């Protein structure tokens, strides 16, 4: 049964990846995950923000970025500005304050489109895992490593698993969409 376990692991990983990606989408509330996509020029290379600073949310509409190395504060500020998140960081010399403005209706709809795209990419990963598992099972049936009845049961199990994780992804999308669209 390793095929079913491998397929389930791949499907779980796809759902987790979509959850992480959803976390980077703004909802109008400050969330440190908003800055997960920010890259900073540091020490001659592009580094993720979370490797050069800590991000806190002291208020629902404010992120505070505390650099580990004060010499990087301007590079961090520049990285946040160029990340195309619609945020305007303010550098006070010690920390960077990033006010999270409320989203307008047009921006909310753009974010919903982004969410749908992320969910679709996740579903493509699910279908890929399903396809791989089905191919492996069918090959085992052809090579007489597995009986046809067993094979059919496993193929049905793979389809049920795919549907389960697809439904889970739809639930996550619906929940995040409501979160983004609520004012």
Protein backbone atom coordinates (compact mmCIF):
# COMPACT_ATOMS: atom_id res chain seq x y z
CA UNK A 1 0.00 0.00 0.00
CA UNK A 2 2.91 2.45 -0.25
CA UNK A 3 1.29 4.00 -3.33
CA UNK A 4 -1.74 5.15 -1.35
CA UNK A 5 0.45 6.51 1.46
CA UNK A 6 2.68 8.35 -1.03
CA UNK A 7 -0.36 9.82 -2.76
CA UNK A 8 -1.86 10.93 0.55
CA UNK A 9 1.44 12.54 1.62
CA UNK A 10 1.65 14.43 -1.67
CA UNK A 11 -1.96 15.58 -1.33
CA UNK A 12 -1.44 16.71 2.27
CA UNK A 13 1.66 18.61 1.16
CA UNK A 14 -0.34 20.33 -1.58
CA UNK A 15 -3.00 21.43 0.93
CA UNK A 16 -0.32 22.70 3.35
CA UNK A 17 1.37 24.64 0.55
CA UNK A 18 -1.94 26.30 -0.35
CA UNK A 19 -2.53 27.18 3.34
CA UNK A 20 0.90 28.84 3.48
CA UNK A 21 0.26 30.74 0.25
CA UNK A 22 -3.17 31.88 1.49
CA UNK A 23 -1.42 33.28 4.57
CA UNK A 24 0.52 35.71 2.36
CA UNK A 25 -2.68 37.30 1.01
CA UNK A 26 -3.81 40.46 2.78
CA UNK A 27 -7.14 40.53 4.55
CA UNK A 28 -7.01 44.05 5.94
CA UNK A 29 -5.63 42.76 9.23
CA UNK A 30 -1.92 42.86 9.96
CA UNK A 31 -0.36 39.39 9.76
CA UNK A 32 3.39 38.67 9.77
CA UNK A 33 2.85 36.17 6.93
CA UNK A 34 2.04 39.15 4.68
CA UNK A 35 5.76 39.79 4.45
CA UNK A 36 6.78 36.17 3.76
CA UNK A 37 7.35 36.95 0.07
CA UNK A 38 9.64 39.93 0.79
CA UNK A 39 13.28 39.49 -0.28
CA UNK A 40 16.03 41.71 1.08
CA UNK A 41 19.48 42.51 -0.33
CA UNK A 42 21.71 41.37 2.52
CA UNK A 43 25.33 40.34 2.58
CA UNK A 44 25.55 40.26 -1.21
CA UNK A 45 22.52 38.04 -1.79
CA UNK A 46 18.70 38.10 -1.78
CA UNK A 47 17.42 36.74 1.52
CA UNK A 48 13.90 36.16 2.88
CA UNK A 49 12.85 38.89 5.31
CA UNK A 50 12.36 36.39 8.14
CA UNK A 51 16.10 35.55 8.02
CA UNK A 52 17.19 39.16 8.61
CA UNK A 53 14.44 40.49 10.91
CA UNK A 54 11.53 39.63 13.17
CA UNK A 55 8.01 40.74 12.29
CA UNK A 56 5.45 41.50 15.01
CA UNK A 57 1.87 42.78 15.06
CA UNK A 58 1.45 45.10 18.05
CA UNK A 59 -1.87 46.39 16.63
CA UNK A 60 -4.42 44.89 14.20
CA UNK A 61 -3.40 47.36 11.47
CA UNK A 62 0.36 47.59 12.07
CA UNK A 63 3.38 45.39 11.42
CA UNK A 64 6.69 46.17 13.12
CA UNK A 65 9.88 44.84 11.53
CA UNK A 66 12.89 44.61 13.87
CA UNK A 67 16.15 43.94 11.94
CA UNK A 68 18.73 41.62 13.49
CA UNK A 69 21.44 43.84 11.98
CA UNK A 70 20.69 47.61 12.05
CA UNK A 71 22.86 48.16 8.94
CA UNK A 72 20.18 46.34 6.89
CA UNK A 73 17.27 48.59 7.91
CA UNK A 74 17.23 50.57 4.64
CA UNK A 75 17.53 47.41 2.52
CA UNK A 76 14.62 45.88 4.43
CA UNK A 77 12.52 49.00 3.89
CA UNK A 78 13.38 48.92 0.17
CA UNK A 79 12.52 45.20 -0.02
CA UNK A 80 9.07 45.82 1.49
CA UNK A 81 8.41 48.69 -0.93
CA UNK A 82 9.46 46.70 -4.00
CA UNK A 83 7.49 43.57 -3.02
CA UNK A 84 4.33 45.03 -4.64
CA UNK A 85 2.19 44.48 -1.56
CA UNK A 86 0.69 47.97 -1.54
CA UNK A 87 2.41 48.75 1.77
CA UNK A 88 4.33 51.91 2.73
CA UNK A 89 6.96 51.18 5.38
CA UNK A 90 8.22 53.93 7.70
CA UNK A 91 11.78 53.65 9.03
CA UNK A 92 12.48 55.35 12.38
CA UNK A 93 16.14 54.25 12.54
CA UNK A 94 15.55 51.29 14.86
CA UNK A 95 12.47 49.53 13.52
CA UNK A 96 10.31 49.70 10.43
CA UNK A 97 6.62 50.35 10.98
CA UNK A 98 4.35 49.07 8.23
CA UNK A 99 0.76 50.31 8.50
CA UNK A 100 -1.69 47.93 6.83
CA UNK A 101 -4.33 50.08 5.15
CA UNK A 102 -7.89 48.83 4.79
CA UNK A 103 -8.54 47.22 1.42
CA UNK A 104 -10.87 48.85 -1.07
CA UNK A 105 -13.43 46.75 -2.96
CA UNK A 106 -11.35 46.59 -6.16
CA UNK A 107 -8.24 45.41 -4.31
CA UNK A 108 -10.29 42.79 -2.43
CA UNK A 109 -11.56 41.38 -5.73
CA UNK A 110 -7.99 41.25 -7.07
CA UNK A 111 -6.94 39.29 -3.98
CA UNK A 112 -9.85 36.87 -4.47
CA UNK A 113 -8.62 36.22 -8.03
CA UNK A 114 -5.14 35.56 -6.64
CA UNK A 115 -6.64 33.14 -4.10
CA UNK A 116 -8.49 31.26 -6.84
CA UNK A 117 -5.27 30.99 -8.84
CA UNK A 118 -3.41 29.63 -5.78
CA UNK A 119 -6.18 27.11 -5.12
CA UNK A 120 -6.14 25.97 -8.75
CA UNK A 121 -2.38 25.43 -8.59
CA UNK A 122 -2.96 23.36 -5.45
CA UNK A 123 -5.58 21.29 -7.24
CA UNK A 124 -3.17 20.71 -10.12
CA UNK A 125 -0.76 19.25 -7.53
CA UNK A 126 -3.57 17.02 -6.24
CA UNK A 127 -4.38 15.80 -9.74
CA UNK A 128 -0.69 15.15 -10.38
CA UNK A 129 -0.45 13.01 -7.22
CA UNK A 130 -3.65 11.19 -8.23
CA UNK A 131 -2.36 10.54 -11.75
CA UNK A 132 0.97 9.23 -10.47
CA UNK A 133 -0.72 6.88 -7.99
CA UNK A 134 -3.20 5.59 -10.58
CA UNK A 135 -0.40 4.92 -13.09
CA UNK A 136 1.61 3.00 -10.49
CA UNK A 137 -1.41 0.90 -9.49
CA UNK A 138 -2.33 0.15 -13.10
CA UNK A 139 1.26 -0.86 -13.85
CA UNK A 140 1.18 -3.27 -10.88
CA UNK A 141 -2.05 -4.81 -12.19
CA UNK A 142 -0.55 -5.27 -15.68
CA UNK A 143 2.62 -6.86 -14.26
CA UNK A 144 0.49 -9.18 -12.08
CA UNK A 145 2.02 -7.80 -8.87
CA UNK A 146 -1.50 -7.08 -7.71
CA UNK A 147 -4.87 -8.64 -8.40
CA UNK A 148 -7.46 -6.73 -10.41
CA UNK A 149 -9.93 -6.56 -7.53
CA UNK A 150 -7.25 -5.17 -5.21
CA UNK A 151 -6.19 -2.75 -7.91
CA UNK A 152 -9.73 -1.51 -8.48
CA UNK A 153 -10.20 -0.98 -4.73
CA UNK A 154 -6.96 1.02 -4.57
CA UNK A 155 -7.93 3.09 -7.64
CA UNK A 156 -11.27 3.89 -5.96
CA UNK A 157 -9.42 4.80 -2.76
CA UNK A 158 -7.14 7.18 -4.68
CA UNK A 159 -10.19 8.86 -6.27
CA UNK A 160 -11.91 9.22 -2.87
CA UNK A 161 -8.73 10.65 -1.38
CA UNK A 162 -8.39 13.14 -4.23
CA UNK A 163 -12.00 14.25 -3.76
CA UNK A 164 -11.47 14.61 0.01
CA UNK A 165 -8.44 16.88 -0.40
CA UNK A 166 -10.04 18.81 -3.24
CA UNK A 167 -13.06 19.50 -1.02
CA UNK A 168 -10.71 20.56 1.79
CA UNK A 169 -9.00 23.00 -0.57
CA UNK A 170 -12.40 24.39 -1.60
CA UNK A 171 -13.28 24.93 2.08
CA UNK A 172 -9.98 26.74 2.69
CA UNK A 173 -10.60 28.92 -0.37
CA UNK A 174 -14.15 29.74 0.70
CA UNK A 175 -13.03 30.64 4.23
CA UNK A 176 -10.15 32.84 3.02
CA UNK A 177 -12.37 34.48 0.40
CA UNK A 178 -14.90 35.45 3.09
CA UNK A 179 -12.05 36.78 5.21
CA UNK A 180 -10.75 38.94 2.34
CA UNK A 181 -14.18 40.23 1.32
CA UNK A 182 -15.31 41.12 4.87
CA UNK A 183 -14.71 44.74 5.77
